Every structure is written in structure tokens, then in C-alpha cells.
């Protein structure tokens, strides 16, 4: 939780959230490779949908506001 908050203080939410969502896909792949888990085709479709969503959200431009000290200058 602390590391998540730290990353949010450094980067836009539009970049942090897709990275967190991509973790679900990565964990599924690691479970198959290292733990020899069986994953149904329906779940693989879900993984593909997650990755597609991450790519779509990752394409959006950040909408940040200027820091108060920068806005005055």
C-alpha cells in the first residue's frame, strides 16, 4: 500500500493504474510457467482483454495540473 501511494505521488494515475492492471496478466503467465497451473481459454481471453485495456488507457495523454509553485512563475 505504501509503495502504491509512493508511485502515485511520482506519476499520473493514468500511468499507475494500467501498470497495476497489467500485473494480473503477468501473474497469470508466471503461474503457468513456474507453477504449471492450468488456465482455461476463458481466462486467457480475460487476460487478453486486460492487456488490450491497458494498451488503450496507456495511449491517453496525461492531464496534469501545474504545481502551485510553477503556476505562479
Protein backbone atom coordinates (compact mmCIF):
# COMPACT_ATOMS: atom_id res chain seq x y z
CA UNK A 1 0.00 0.00 0.00
CA UNK A 2 2.79 2.42 0.84
CA UNK A 3 4.63 1.67 -2.40
CA UNK A 4 1.41 2.23 -4.36
CA UNK A 5 0.96 5.63 -2.73
CA UNK A 6 4.60 6.49 -3.40
CA UNK A 7 4.24 5.67 -7.08
CA UNK A 8 1.06 7.76 -7.23
CA UNK A 9 2.98 10.72 -5.86
CA UNK A 10 5.55 10.37 -8.66
CA UNK A 11 3.37 9.55 -11.67
CA UNK A 12 -0.06 10.23 -13.09
CA UNK A 13 -2.89 7.93 -12.13
CA UNK A 14 -3.38 7.20 -15.83
CA UNK A 15 0.06 5.57 -15.85
CA UNK A 16 -0.03 3.87 -12.44
CA UNK A 17 -3.40 2.17 -12.83
CA UNK A 18 -2.60 0.38 -16.12
CA UNK A 19 0.64 -0.89 -14.65
CA UNK A 20 -1.26 -2.33 -11.71
CA UNK A 21 -3.83 -3.94 -14.00
CA UNK A 22 -1.08 -5.44 -16.15
CA UNK A 23 0.13 -7.23 -13.02
CA UNK A 24 -2.88 -9.57 -13.21
CA UNK A 25 -1.85 -10.70 -16.67
CA UNK A 26 1.76 -11.12 -15.60
CA UNK A 27 0.77 -13.20 -12.56
CA UNK A 28 -1.31 -15.50 -14.76
CA UNK A 29 1.60 -16.05 -17.09
CA UNK A 30 4.02 -16.66 -14.21
CA UNK A 31 1.62 -19.16 -12.63
CA UNK A 32 1.52 -21.14 -15.85
CA UNK A 33 5.27 -21.08 -16.37
CA UNK A 34 6.54 -21.69 -12.84
CA UNK A 35 3.67 -23.41 -11.02
CA UNK A 36 2.35 -25.37 -14.02
CA UNK A 37 -1.18 -24.11 -13.38
CA UNK A 38 -3.84 -24.82 -15.97
CA UNK A 39 -5.64 -21.73 -17.19
CA UNK A 40 -8.88 -22.07 -19.13
CA UNK A 41 -9.35 -20.41 -22.52
CA UNK A 42 -11.97 -18.12 -20.96
CA UNK A 43 -9.38 -16.79 -18.52
CA UNK A 44 -6.82 -16.29 -21.30
CA UNK A 45 -9.45 -14.23 -23.13
CA UNK A 46 -9.77 -12.18 -19.95
CA UNK A 47 -6.00 -11.69 -19.85
CA UNK A 48 -6.04 -10.50 -23.47
CA UNK A 49 -8.88 -8.08 -22.68
CA UNK A 50 -6.95 -6.71 -19.70
CA UNK A 51 -3.83 -6.20 -21.81
CA UNK A 52 -5.89 -4.52 -24.53
CA UNK A 53 -7.43 -2.19 -21.96
CA UNK A 54 -4.02 -1.39 -20.54
CA UNK A 55 -2.75 -0.50 -24.00
CA UNK A 56 -5.77 1.69 -24.71
CA UNK A 57 -5.54 3.55 -21.42
CA UNK A 58 -1.78 3.86 -21.79
CA UNK A 59 -2.29 5.72 -25.08
CA UNK A 60 -4.17 8.57 -23.40
CA UNK A 61 -2.31 11.80 -22.81
CA UNK A 62 -1.73 12.77 -19.19
CA UNK A 63 -3.87 15.60 -17.87
CA UNK A 64 -1.85 17.05 -15.07
CA UNK A 65 -2.23 20.41 -13.50
CA UNK A 66 0.75 22.62 -12.81
CA UNK A 67 2.21 22.61 -9.34
CA UNK A 68 1.30 25.79 -7.43
CA UNK A 69 4.91 27.00 -7.41
CA UNK A 70 5.16 26.54 -11.20
CA UNK A 71 1.81 28.21 -11.86
CA UNK A 72 2.93 31.43 -10.14
CA UNK A 73 6.20 31.69 -12.07
